[in-house]
Amino acid sequence: MLRSDFPEVHYLEFARNVGFAKLVNAGLRAAGGDPLLILNADTVLIENTAKTLAQFLQAHPDVGMVGPRLEYQNGSHQPSAFRFYTPAVIAARRTFFGRTPWGRRVLERFMLRDILSEPIAAMAALPVDWLMGSAFMVRRKAAEEVGELDERFFLYFEDVDWCRRFWERGYKVMWFPSARVVHVHAQASRKRGALFDIMLNPLTRIHVTSAVKYFRKHGLATPHYGV
C-alpha cells in the first residue's frame, strides 16, 4: 500500500523487530534534508507542528534537539520532558517507595512538576535534560557530530543516552510546549505492580535491563543541564 499509494515515501522494511535505536538509525541514514523529524508510529502531528519546530531550530543555532508538548487523545498533557534518571528514580518508579513522601518528591522532580505551570501551552521553551523519543526534531549537523543512537539499548533509555550526548557535545536540548503532538501512549512496561511486572511483563524487564546498561555506561553521577 505504501509503495503504490505513496511512492514518494522511502519505506525501510525489516523482517523482525530490531529495536527502536536500530530503526531510527536506519531512518537517519536514509533521510535527506535538514532538520530531521523523528516520530513514533503512535503519534499524530497537529497542523504546523513540524514547521514550528523547524523554525525554532533555525532561530536558535545553539540548540541541537527540540521536542514538542505531547498530549493524550483527550487533549490532556503527557509528560515528555524530564531530568536525568538517578537510581532513586528507578526505585521510586518500580517499587513501593514511589508511594512514600520521599518517592513522590523524587518523581515530581524527575518529571519537572516543580516548574510546570498552567496553561502549559503558554510556557516558554525550556532547556531540559532529556526528551521522550516519541517525537523530537534534531539538527543534522548536531546529529552527525553526536553520532547515532546507541543500539545496545533495544528499547528504553536510548533517548536518555542520546540527549545526554547532545549536551556533552555542547548542543542544547529544548522542550517547546507551543508545538503539539498527540501520542496514543500506554505504559506497557507497567501494568500490575513492581514484583509482578518484573516477573511477568517482558517490557518491564527490558526497561530495568536498559537502566542497568545506562548506569554502567555513564556511571551513577547525574549531571544537570536543563531546568
C-alpha atoms as a PDB file:
ATOM      1  CA  MET A   1       0.000   0.000   0.000  1.00  0.00           C
ATOM      2  CA  LEU A   2       2.824   2.401   0.850  1.00  0.00           C
ATOM      3  CA  ARG A   3       4.651   1.671  -2.395  1.00  0.00           C
ATOM      4  CA  SER A   4       1.542   2.018  -4.557  1.00  0.00           C
ATOM      5  CA  ASP A   5      -0.245   4.926  -2.846  1.00  0.00           C
ATOM      6  CA  PHE A   6       2.762   6.854  -1.505  1.00  0.00           C
ATOM      7  CA  PRO A   7       5.630   6.210  -3.938  1.00  0.00           C
ATOM      8  CA  GLU A   8       7.489   9.284  -2.622  1.00  0.00           C
ATOM      9  CA  VAL A   9       7.878   7.588   0.785  1.00  0.00           C
ATOM     10  CA  HIS A  10      11.162   5.757   1.350  1.00  0.00           C
ATOM     11  CA  TYR A  11       9.956   2.666   3.212  1.00  0.00           C
ATOM     12  CA  LEU A  12      12.575   0.626   5.085  1.00  0.00           C
ATOM     13  CA  GLU A  13      11.303  -2.896   5.596  1.00  0.00           C
ATOM     14  CA  PHE A  14      12.514  -5.077   8.464  1.00  0.00           C
ATOM     15  CA  ALA A  15      11.668  -8.762   8.799  1.00  0.00           C
ATOM     16  CA  ARG A  16      11.777  -8.652  12.606  1.00  0.00           C
ATOM     17  CA  ASN A  17      11.711  -6.224  15.499  1.00  0.00           C
ATOM     18  CA  VAL A  18      15.291  -4.959  15.759  1.00  0.00           C
ATOM     19  CA  GLY A  19      14.630  -2.342  18.443  1.00  0.00           C
ATOM     20  CA  PHE A  20      13.911   1.370  18.443  1.00  0.00           C
ATOM     21  CA  ALA A  21      17.521   2.575  18.170  1.00  0.00           C
ATOM     22  CA  LYS A  22      18.314   0.462  15.101  1.00  0.00           C
ATOM     23  CA  LEU A  23      15.131   1.553  13.369  1.00  0.00           C
ATOM     24  CA  VAL A  24      15.787   5.238  13.982  1.00  0.00           C
ATOM     25  CA  ASN A  25      19.419   4.914  12.903  1.00  0.00           C
ATOM     26  CA  ALA A  26      18.356   3.283   9.649  1.00  0.00           C
ATOM     27  CA  GLY A  27      15.942   6.149   9.045  1.00  0.00           C
ATOM     28  CA  LEU A  28      18.575   8.762   9.814  1.00  0.00           C
ATOM     29  CA  ARG A  29      20.954   7.184   7.288  1.00  0.00           C
ATOM     30  CA  ALA A  30      18.288   7.115   4.587  1.00  0.00           C
ATOM     31  CA  ALA A  31      16.831  10.566   5.285  1.00  0.00           C
ATOM     32  CA  GLY A  32      17.680  13.646   3.309  1.00  0.00           C
ATOM     33  CA  GLY A  33      17.315  17.268   4.226  1.00  0.00           C
ATOM     34  CA  ASP A  34      17.736  19.197   7.435  1.00  0.00           C
ATOM     35  CA  PRO A  35      16.392  19.218  10.125  1.00  0.00           C
ATOM     36  CA  LEU A  36      15.305  15.638  10.843  1.00  0.00           C
ATOM     37  CA  LEU A  37      11.986  14.796  12.488  1.00  0.00           C
ATOM     38  CA  ILE A  38      11.753  11.554  14.482  1.00  0.00           C
ATOM     39  CA  LEU A  39       8.286  10.248  15.340  1.00  0.00           C
ATOM     40  CA  ASN A  40       6.857   7.112  16.883  1.00  0.00           C
ATOM     41  CA  ALA A  41       4.233   5.249  14.885  1.00  0.00           C
ATOM     42  CA  ASP A  42       1.588   6.090  17.512  1.00  0.00           C
ATOM     43  CA  THR A  43       1.863   9.871  17.121  1.00  0.00           C
ATOM     44  CA  VAL A  44      -0.305  12.380  15.257  1.00  0.00           C
ATOM     45  CA  LEU A  45       1.105  15.729  14.181  1.00  0.00           C
ATOM     46  CA  ILE A  46      -1.018  18.792  14.876  1.00  0.00           C
ATOM     47  CA  GLU A  47      -1.114  21.264  11.992  1.00  0.00           C
ATOM     48  CA  ASN A  48       2.128  23.260  11.587  1.00  0.00           C
ATOM     49  CA  THR A  49       3.959  21.339  14.336  1.00  0.00           C
ATOM     50  CA  ALA A  50       6.847  20.308  12.089  1.00  0.00           C
ATOM     51  CA  LYS A  51       7.138  23.831  10.676  1.00  0.00           C
ATOM     52  CA  THR A  52       7.068  25.350  14.167  1.00  0.00           C
ATOM     53  CA  LEU A  53       9.854  23.050  15.411  1.00  0.00           C
ATOM     54  CA  ALA A  54      11.972  23.702  12.312  1.00  0.00           C
ATOM     55  CA  GLN A  55      11.595  27.456  12.731  1.00  0.00           C
ATOM     56  CA  PHE A  56      12.644  27.166  16.365  1.00  0.00           C
ATOM     57  CA  LEU A  57      15.842  25.320  15.410  1.00  0.00           C
ATOM     58  CA  GLN A  58      16.574  27.873  12.703  1.00  0.00           C
ATOM     59  CA  ALA A  59      16.230  30.709  15.192  1.00  0.00           C
ATOM     60  CA  HIS A  60      18.391  29.034  17.862  1.00  0.00           C
ATOM     61  CA  PRO A  61      21.678  27.736  16.382  1.00  0.00           C
ATOM     62  CA  ASP A  62      22.905  26.547  19.785  1.00  0.00           C
ATOM     63  CA  VAL A  63      20.014  24.046  20.023  1.00  0.00           C
ATOM     64  CA  GLY A  64      20.631  20.571  18.643  1.00  0.00           C
ATOM     65  CA  MET A  65      17.323  18.968  19.554  1.00  0.00           C
ATOM     66  CA  VAL A  66      13.821  20.276  20.230  1.00  0.00           C
ATOM     67  CA  GLY A  67      10.719  18.391  21.286  1.00  0.00           C
ATOM     68  CA  PRO A  68       7.031  19.347  21.287  1.00  0.00           C
ATOM     69  CA  ARG A  69       4.480  19.082  24.053  1.00  0.00           C
ATOM     70  CA  LEU A  70       2.840  15.651  23.918  1.00  0.00           C
ATOM     71  CA  GLU A  71      -0.866  15.237  24.514  1.00  0.00           C
ATOM     72  CA  TYR A  72      -3.108  12.283  25.205  1.00  0.00           C
ATOM     73  CA  GLN A  73      -6.024  11.746  22.855  1.00  0.00           C
ATOM     74  CA  ASN A  74      -8.298  13.682  25.219  1.00  0.00           C
ATOM     75  CA  GLY A  75      -6.042  16.736  24.942  1.00  0.00           C
ATOM     76  CA  SER A  76      -4.510  16.486  28.419  1.00  0.00           C
ATOM     77  CA  HIS A  77      -0.791  16.949  29.000  1.00  0.00           C
ATOM     78  CA  GLN A  78       1.503  13.940  28.672  1.00  0.00           C
ATOM     79  CA  PRO A  79       4.917  14.186  30.371  1.00  0.00           C
ATOM     80  CA  SER A  80       7.689  14.080  27.772  1.00  0.00           C
ATOM     81  CA  ALA A  81      10.497  16.251  29.198  1.00  0.00           C
ATOM     82  CA  PHE A  82      12.472  15.131  32.224  1.00  0.00           C
ATOM     83  CA  ARG A  83      15.535  15.469  34.395  1.00  0.00           C
ATOM     84  CA  PHE A  84      18.059  12.664  34.126  1.00  0.00           C
ATOM     85  CA  TYR A  85      17.419   9.331  35.797  1.00  0.00           C
ATOM     86  CA  THR A  86      19.051   8.507  39.097  1.00  0.00           C
ATOM     87  CA  PRO A  87      18.932   5.136  40.900  1.00  0.00           C
ATOM     88  CA  ALA A  88      16.421   6.755  43.264  1.00  0.00           C
ATOM     89  CA  VAL A  89      14.091   7.490  40.334  1.00  0.00           C
ATOM     90  CA  ILE A  90      14.231   3.846  39.235  1.00  0.00           C
ATOM     91  CA  ALA A  91      13.442   2.731  42.782  1.00  0.00           C
ATOM     92  CA  ALA A  92      10.550   5.188  43.047  1.00  0.00           C
ATOM     93  CA  ARG A  93       9.084   4.121  39.703  1.00  0.00           C
ATOM     94  CA  ARG A  94       9.468   0.386  40.217  1.00  0.00           C
ATOM     95  CA  THR A  95       8.871  -0.227  43.921  1.00  0.00           C
ATOM     96  CA  PHE A  96       6.527   0.798  46.726  1.00  0.00           C
ATOM     97  CA  PHE A  97       8.932   3.648  47.585  1.00  0.00           C
ATOM     98  CA  GLY A  98       7.204   5.654  44.884  1.00  0.00           C
ATOM     99  CA  ARG A  99       4.135   5.836  47.119  1.00  0.00           C
ATOM    100  CA  THR A 100       6.050   7.327  50.048  1.00  0.00           C
ATOM    101  CA  PRO A 101       6.511  11.088  50.537  1.00  0.00           C
ATOM    102  CA  TRP A 102      10.188  10.662  49.650  1.00  0.00           C
ATOM    103  CA  GLY A 103       9.377   8.727  46.499  1.00  0.00           C
ATOM    104  CA  ARG A 104       6.749  11.222  45.391  1.00  0.00           C
ATOM    105  CA  ARG A 105       9.249  14.075  45.764  1.00  0.00           C
ATOM    106  CA  VAL A 106      11.814  12.161  43.704  1.00  0.00           C
ATOM    107  CA  LEU A 107       9.284  11.527  40.931  1.00  0.00           C
ATOM    108  CA  GLU A 108       7.944  15.072  40.945  1.00  0.00           C
ATOM    109  CA  ARG A 109      11.459  16.441  40.459  1.00  0.00           C
ATOM    110  CA  PHE A 110      12.206  13.860  37.747  1.00  0.00           C
ATOM    111  CA  MET A 111       9.026  14.868  35.855  1.00  0.00           C
ATOM    112  CA  LEU A 112       9.651  18.638  36.232  1.00  0.00           C
ATOM    113  CA  ARG A 113       6.471  19.143  38.215  1.00  0.00           C
ATOM    114  CA  ASP A 114       8.251  21.723  40.360  1.00  0.00           C
ATOM    115  CA  ILE A 115       8.466  24.110  37.392  1.00  0.00           C
ATOM    116  CA  LEU A 116       5.422  23.275  35.255  1.00  0.00           C
ATOM    117  CA  SER A 117       2.710  25.889  35.251  1.00  0.00           C
ATOM    118  CA  GLU A 118      -0.737  26.276  33.750  1.00  0.00           C
ATOM    119  CA  PRO A 119      -1.525  26.681  30.972  1.00  0.00           C
ATOM    120  CA  ILE A 120       1.405  24.550  29.834  1.00  0.00           C
ATOM    121  CA  ALA A 121       0.943  25.601  26.208  1.00  0.00           C
ATOM    122  CA  ALA A 122       1.740  29.186  27.199  1.00  0.00           C
ATOM    123  CA  MET A 123       5.085  28.288  28.790  1.00  0.00           C
ATOM    124  CA  ALA A 124       8.265  29.418  27.091  1.00  0.00           C
ATOM    125  CA  ALA A 125      10.725  26.911  25.673  1.00  0.00           C
ATOM    126  CA  LEU A 126      12.776  25.224  28.394  1.00  0.00           C
ATOM    127  CA  PRO A 127      16.186  23.549  28.365  1.00  0.00           C
ATOM    128  CA  VAL A 128      15.654  20.036  29.735  1.00  0.00           C
ATOM    129  CA  ASP A 129      17.944  17.105  30.441  1.00  0.00           C
ATOM    130  CA  TRP A 130      16.149  14.736  28.074  1.00  0.00           C
ATOM    131  CA  LEU A 131      13.105  14.322  25.860  1.00  0.00           C
ATOM    132  CA  MET A 132      10.953  11.269  25.285  1.00  0.00           C
ATOM    133  CA  GLY A 133      11.882   9.721  21.944  1.00  0.00           C
ATOM    134  CA  SER A 134       8.267   9.629  20.749  1.00  0.00           C
ATOM    135  CA  ALA A 135       8.684  12.947  18.943  1.00  0.00           C
ATOM    136  CA  PHE A 136      11.613  15.286  18.503  1.00  0.00           C
ATOM    137  CA  MET A 137      13.465  17.189  15.807  1.00  0.00           C
ATOM    138  CA  VAL A 138      17.243  17.304  15.505  1.00  0.00           C
ATOM    139  CA  ARG A 139      19.687  19.435  13.594  1.00  0.00           C
ATOM    140  CA  ARG A 140      21.508  17.243  11.060  1.00  0.00           C
ATOM    141  CA  LYS A 141      24.930  18.722  11.832  1.00  0.00           C
ATOM    142  CA  ALA A 142      24.417  18.078  15.542  1.00  0.00           C
ATOM    143  CA  ALA A 143      23.230  14.511  14.975  1.00  0.00           C
ATOM    144  CA  GLU A 144      26.263  13.783  12.803  1.00  0.00           C
ATOM    145  CA  GLU A 145      28.620  15.158  15.459  1.00  0.00           C
ATOM    146  CA  VAL A 146      26.919  13.332  18.334  1.00  0.00           C
ATOM    147  CA  GLY A 147      26.639  10.055  16.445  1.00  0.00           C
ATOM    148  CA  GLU A 148      23.842   7.560  16.069  1.00  0.00           C
ATOM    149  CA  LEU A 149      21.636   6.204  18.826  1.00  0.00           C
ATOM    150  CA  ASP A 150      23.340   3.515  20.893  1.00  0.00           C
ATOM    151  CA  GLU A 151      21.961   0.232  19.561  1.00  0.00           C
ATOM    152  CA  ARG A 152      22.878  -1.618  22.728  1.00  0.00           C
ATOM    153  CA  PHE A 153      19.600  -0.234  24.048  1.00  0.00           C
ATOM    154  CA  PHE A 154      16.918  -2.402  22.438  1.00  0.00           C
ATOM    155  CA  LEU A 155      14.150  -0.289  23.957  1.00  0.00           C
ATOM    156  CA  TYR A 156      14.095   2.469  26.593  1.00  0.00           C
ATOM    157  CA  PHE A 157      16.972   4.773  27.616  1.00  0.00           C
ATOM    158  CA  GLU A 158      18.252   5.207  24.066  1.00  0.00           C
ATOM    159  CA  ASP A 159      16.598   8.633  24.076  1.00  0.00           C
ATOM    160  CA  VAL A 160      18.030   9.471  27.517  1.00  0.00           C
ATOM    161  CA  ASP A 161      21.507   8.482  26.358  1.00  0.00           C
ATOM    162  CA  TRP A 162      21.236  10.411  23.073  1.00  0.00           C
ATOM    163  CA  CYS A 163      20.082  13.607  24.781  1.00  0.00           C
ATOM    164  CA  ARG A 164      22.904  13.339  27.297  1.00  0.00           C
ATOM    165  CA  ARG A 165      25.395  13.031  24.442  1.00  0.00           C
ATOM    166  CA  PHE A 166      23.891  16.092  22.726  1.00  0.00           C
ATOM    167  CA  TRP A 167      24.503  18.117  25.883  1.00  0.00           C
ATOM    168  CA  GLU A 168      28.026  16.711  26.217  1.00  0.00           C
ATOM    169  CA  ARG A 169      28.805  17.894  22.672  1.00  0.00           C
ATOM    170  CA  GLY A 170      27.625  21.398  23.547  1.00  0.00           C
ATOM    171  CA  TYR A 171      24.158  21.285  21.972  1.00  0.00           C
ATOM    172  CA  LYS A 172      21.093  22.313  23.959  1.00  0.00           C
ATOM    173  CA  VAL A 173      18.066  20.046  24.262  1.00  0.00           C
ATOM    174  CA  MET A 174      14.878  22.112  24.429  1.00  0.00           C
ATOM    175  CA  TRP A 175      11.238  21.384  25.207  1.00  0.00           C
ATOM    176  CA  PHE A 176       8.929  23.663  23.214  1.00  0.00           C
ATOM    177  CA  PRO A 177       5.363  23.331  24.564  1.00  0.00           C
ATOM    178  CA  SER A 178       3.873  25.668  21.945  1.00  0.00           C
ATOM    179  CA  ALA A 179       4.286  22.839  19.427  1.00  0.00           C
ATOM    180  CA  ARG A 180       1.918  19.899  19.939  1.00  0.00           C
ATOM    181  CA  VAL A 181       1.847  16.210  19.060  1.00  0.00           C
ATOM    182  CA  VAL A 182      -0.827  13.702  20.053  1.00  0.00           C
ATOM    183  CA  HIS A 183       0.702  10.485  21.398  1.00  0.00           C
ATOM    184  CA  VAL A 184      -1.503   7.406  21.784  1.00  0.00           C
ATOM    185  CA  HIS A 185       0.585   6.238  24.706  1.00  0.00           C
ATOM    186  CA  ALA A 186       0.116   3.320  27.073  1.00  0.00           C
ATOM    187  CA  GLN A 187       2.564   2.460  29.853  1.00  0.00           C
ATOM    188  CA  ALA A 188       3.200  -1.015  28.502  1.00  0.00           C
ATOM    189  CA  SER A 189       6.083  -1.628  30.887  1.00  0.00           C
ATOM    190  CA  ARG A 190       3.919  -1.021  33.934  1.00  0.00           C
ATOM    191  CA  LYS A 191       0.701  -2.979  34.368  1.00  0.00           C
ATOM    192  CA  ARG A 192       0.291  -4.714  37.755  1.00  0.00           C
ATOM    193  CA  GLY A 193       2.988  -3.756  40.240  1.00  0.00           C
ATOM    194  CA  ALA A 194       6.736  -3.894  40.719  1.00  0.00           C
ATOM    195  CA  LEU A 195       7.190  -7.594  41.544  1.00  0.00           C
ATOM    196  CA  PHE A 196       4.544  -8.827  39.121  1.00  0.00           C
ATOM    197  CA  ASP A 197       5.894  -6.582  36.370  1.00  0.00           C
ATOM    198  CA  ILE A 198       9.473  -7.814  36.737  1.00  0.00           C
ATOM    199  CA  MET A 199       8.339 -11.435  36.810  1.00  0.00           C
ATOM    200  CA  LEU A 200       5.629 -11.349  34.133  1.00  0.00           C
ATOM    201  CA  ASN A 201       5.969  -8.268  31.949  1.00  0.00           C
ATOM    202  CA  PRO A 202       8.830  -8.549  29.420  1.00  0.00           C
ATOM    203  CA  LEU A 203       8.799  -4.790  28.758  1.00  0.00           C
ATOM    204  CA  THR A 204       9.446  -4.134  32.434  1.00  0.00           C
ATOM    205  CA  ARG A 205      12.454  -6.437  32.314  1.00  0.00           C
ATOM    206  CA  ILE A 206      13.709  -4.620  29.203  1.00  0.00           C
ATOM    207  CA  HIS A 207      13.295  -1.260  30.965  1.00  0.00           C
ATOM    208  CA  VAL A 208      15.249  -2.422  34.012  1.00  0.00           C
ATOM    209  CA  THR A 209      17.924  -4.010  31.802  1.00  0.00           C
ATOM    210  CA  SER A 210      18.289  -0.785  29.823  1.00  0.00           C
ATOM    211  CA  ALA A 211      18.601   1.180  33.064  1.00  0.00           C
ATOM    212  CA  VAL A 212      21.470  -1.064  34.149  1.00  0.00           C
ATOM    213  CA  LYS A 213      23.184  -0.566  30.772  1.00  0.00           C
ATOM    214  CA  TYR A 214      22.722   3.198  31.049  1.00  0.00           C
ATOM    215  CA  PHE A 215      24.288   3.441  34.511  1.00  0.00           C
ATOM    216  CA  ARG A 216      27.116   1.115  33.508  1.00  0.00           C
ATOM    217  CA  LYS A 217      27.843   3.382  30.538  1.00  0.00           C
ATOM    218  CA  HIS A 218      27.577   6.754  32.288  1.00  0.00           C
ATOM    219  CA  GLY A 219      28.089   5.926  35.953  1.00  0.00           C
ATOM    220  CA  LEU A 220      25.883   6.911  38.863  1.00  0.00           C
ATOM    221  CA  ALA A 221      26.835  10.590  38.832  1.00  0.00           C
ATOM    222  CA  THR A 222      23.977  12.608  37.376  1.00  0.00           C
ATOM    223  CA  PRO A 223      24.753  15.847  35.507  1.00  0.00           C
ATOM    224  CA  HIS A 224      22.219  18.658  35.376  1.00  0.00           C
ATOM    225  CA  TYR A 225      21.957  20.575  32.115  1.00  0.00           C
ATOM    226  CA  GLY A 226      18.319  21.637  31.940  1.00  0.00           C
ATOM    227  CA  VAL A 227      15.976  23.488  34.260  1.00  0.00           C
END
